[in-house]
Amino acid sequence: MAFNEEEQQLIRQAIERAEKNTSGEIRVAVENTCSEDPLDRAATYFYKLDMDKTKLRNGVLIYLAAQDHKFAIIGDGGINQAVPDNFWDETKEAMLNCFKQGNLAQGVTTGIDSAGRQLKQYFPFDETGDKNELSDDIAFMDGE
């Protein structure tokens, strides 16, 4: 498994922390290997996890193939229409710096924190009607 229980808890807490500032929904999907382009695999899991069904179409998936050292970040249509093309570049670089040091969990939490800060600009938390639409738990996929 890519993350032990303590690391899973840190990732879950990072998602909860990020989602307190944005109406955006963040999920993490992890598997060991990925035999295709990580963006394609992330897109497959995005739909399998029903991330395209959020009210504002503002779901974000951080996908990681731990053994293959591949990852991707994708956002739903509502995000992609609102943000510049290079929106995820800063987040990807911050994550990659942690991954290069061998710290997968820190890389993922760094990505979550960065995504949350960036989403806040375009999708601020709505006090009146915001609810957690997606699970904050890591989705362990392994080719499902």
Protein backbone atom coordinates (compact mmCIF):
# COMPACT_ATOMS: atom_id res chain seq x y z
CA MET A 1 0.00 0.00 0.00
CA ALA A 2 1.26 3.46 -0.88
CA PHE A 3 0.31 5.07 2.46
CA ASN A 4 0.20 3.84 6.02
CA GLU A 5 -2.72 4.71 8.30
CA GLU A 6 -1.03 7.83 9.68
CA GLU A 7 -0.28 9.13 6.18
CA GLN A 8 -3.85 8.41 5.09
CA GLN A 9 -5.10 10.44 8.06
CA LEU A 10 -2.79 13.36 7.13
CA ILE A 11 -4.12 13.31 3.56
CA ARG A 12 -7.74 13.16 4.75
CA GLN A 13 -7.09 16.11 7.10
CA ALA A 14 -5.50 18.10 4.26
CA ILE A 15 -8.63 17.57 2.15
CA GLU A 16 -10.89 18.65 5.01
CA ARG A 17 -8.70 21.72 5.64
CA ALA A 18 -8.69 22.72 1.95
CA GLU A 19 -12.42 22.25 1.55
CA LYS A 20 -13.14 24.62 4.46
CA ASN A 21 -12.07 27.48 2.18
CA THR A 22 -13.65 26.43 -1.11
CA SER A 23 -16.83 24.93 -2.45
CA GLY A 24 -14.55 22.80 -4.64
CA GLU A 25 -14.30 19.08 -3.94
CA ILE A 26 -10.89 17.39 -3.80
CA ARG A 27 -10.25 13.66 -4.01
CA VAL A 28 -7.13 11.54 -4.15
CA ALA A 29 -6.98 8.29 -6.14
CA VAL A 30 -3.97 6.01 -5.73
CA GLU A 31 -2.85 2.81 -7.37
CA ASN A 32 0.50 1.09 -7.69
CA THR A 33 0.96 1.01 -11.45
CA CYS A 34 -0.36 2.81 -14.50
CA SER A 35 0.19 1.43 -18.00
CA GLU A 36 -1.32 4.41 -19.80
CA ASP A 37 -1.01 8.18 -19.78
CA PRO A 38 -1.70 9.30 -16.20
CA LEU A 39 -4.10 12.02 -17.39
CA ASP A 40 -6.17 9.41 -19.20
CA ARG A 41 -6.18 7.15 -16.15
CA ALA A 42 -7.12 10.08 -13.90
CA ALA A 43 -10.02 10.93 -16.24
CA THR A 44 -11.28 7.33 -16.03
CA TYR A 45 -11.25 7.39 -12.25
CA PHE A 46 -12.74 10.89 -12.17
CA TYR A 47 -15.92 9.47 -13.68
CA LYS A 48 -15.82 6.18 -11.73
CA LEU A 49 -15.72 8.21 -8.50
CA ASP A 50 -18.72 10.33 -9.66
CA MET A 51 -16.63 13.48 -9.45
CA ASP A 52 -18.44 14.88 -12.49
CA LYS A 53 -21.65 15.04 -10.48
CA THR A 54 -20.85 17.94 -8.16
CA LYS A 55 -23.33 20.82 -8.21
CA LEU A 56 -20.85 23.42 -9.53
CA ARG A 57 -18.75 20.94 -11.56
CA ASN A 58 -15.79 21.90 -9.38
CA GLY A 59 -14.26 18.56 -8.44
CA VAL A 60 -10.48 18.05 -8.50
CA LEU A 61 -8.77 14.68 -8.63
CA ILE A 62 -5.16 14.13 -7.67
CA TYR A 63 -4.15 10.80 -9.20
CA LEU A 64 -0.97 8.95 -8.19
CA ALA A 65 0.54 5.71 -9.49
CA ALA A 66 3.00 5.18 -6.64
CA GLN A 67 5.30 2.48 -8.02
CA ASP A 68 5.41 3.93 -11.52
CA HIS A 69 6.11 7.47 -10.28
CA LYS A 70 3.30 8.99 -12.33
CA PHE A 71 0.70 11.51 -11.27
CA ALA A 72 -1.88 13.89 -12.67
CA ILE A 73 -4.27 16.58 -11.50
CA ILE A 74 -7.54 17.10 -13.30
CA GLY A 75 -10.47 19.41 -12.67
CA ASP A 76 -14.06 19.25 -13.82
CA GLY A 77 -15.63 21.48 -16.48
CA GLY A 78 -16.65 24.24 -14.09
CA ILE A 79 -13.05 24.68 -12.98
CA ASN A 80 -11.57 24.41 -16.45
CA GLN A 81 -13.89 27.14 -17.74
CA ALA A 82 -12.92 29.51 -14.91
CA VAL A 83 -9.16 29.11 -14.61
CA PRO A 84 -6.15 29.84 -16.84
CA ASP A 85 -4.54 27.00 -18.82
CA ASN A 86 -1.50 26.77 -16.52
CA PHE A 87 -3.67 26.68 -13.38
CA TRP A 88 -2.28 23.39 -12.04
CA ASP A 89 1.40 23.98 -12.93
CA GLU A 90 2.31 25.44 -9.53
CA THR A 91 0.59 22.59 -7.73
CA LYS A 92 2.29 19.95 -9.90
CA GLU A 93 5.74 21.49 -9.31
CA ALA A 94 5.26 21.63 -5.54
CA MET A 95 4.17 18.00 -5.51
CA LEU A 96 7.02 16.90 -7.76
CA ASN A 97 9.59 18.49 -5.45
CA CYS A 98 8.32 16.34 -2.56
CA PHE A 99 8.10 13.22 -4.71
CA LYS A 100 11.72 13.64 -5.82
CA GLN A 101 12.72 13.54 -2.14
CA GLY A 102 10.82 10.27 -1.75
CA ASN A 103 8.00 11.72 0.30
CA LEU A 104 4.75 10.68 -1.40
CA ALA A 105 2.39 11.61 1.44
CA GLN A 106 3.93 15.07 1.82
CA GLY A 107 3.70 15.56 -1.94
CA VAL A 108 0.00 14.71 -1.94
CA THR A 109 -0.79 16.94 1.06
CA THR A 110 1.21 19.76 -0.54
CA GLY A 111 -0.85 19.32 -3.71
CA ILE A 112 -4.10 19.34 -1.77
CA ASP A 113 -3.13 22.50 0.14
CA SER A 114 -2.09 24.24 -3.08
CA ALA A 115 -5.23 23.16 -4.93
CA GLY A 116 -7.39 24.37 -2.06
CA ARG A 117 -5.73 27.80 -2.05
CA GLN A 118 -6.12 28.13 -5.79
CA LEU A 119 -9.73 26.91 -5.84
CA LYS A 120 -10.65 29.45 -3.15
CA GLN A 121 -10.07 32.24 -5.70
CA TYR A 122 -12.64 30.87 -8.13
CA PHE A 123 -14.92 28.81 -5.89
CA PRO A 124 -15.00 30.34 -2.39
CA PHE A 125 -16.72 28.47 0.42
CA ASP A 126 -20.45 29.19 0.48
CA GLU A 127 -21.67 29.54 4.07
CA THR A 128 -25.31 29.18 3.09
CA GLY A 129 -25.43 25.97 1.14
CA ASP A 130 -22.07 24.30 0.80
CA LYS A 131 -21.89 20.66 1.75
CA ASN A 132 -19.27 17.98 1.36
CA GLU A 133 -20.42 16.23 -1.82
CA LEU A 134 -17.58 13.68 -2.11
CA SER A 135 -15.73 11.43 0.30
CA ASP A 136 -12.49 12.77 1.77
CA ASP A 137 -10.99 9.28 1.96
CA ILE A 138 -8.29 8.14 -0.45
CA ALA A 139 -9.66 5.96 -3.25
CA PHE A 140 -7.33 2.98 -3.66
CA MET A 141 -8.01 1.88 -7.23
CA ASP A 142 -5.44 -0.60 -8.54
CA GLY A 143 -6.86 -1.02 -12.00
CA GLU A 144 -10.54 -1.22 -11.10
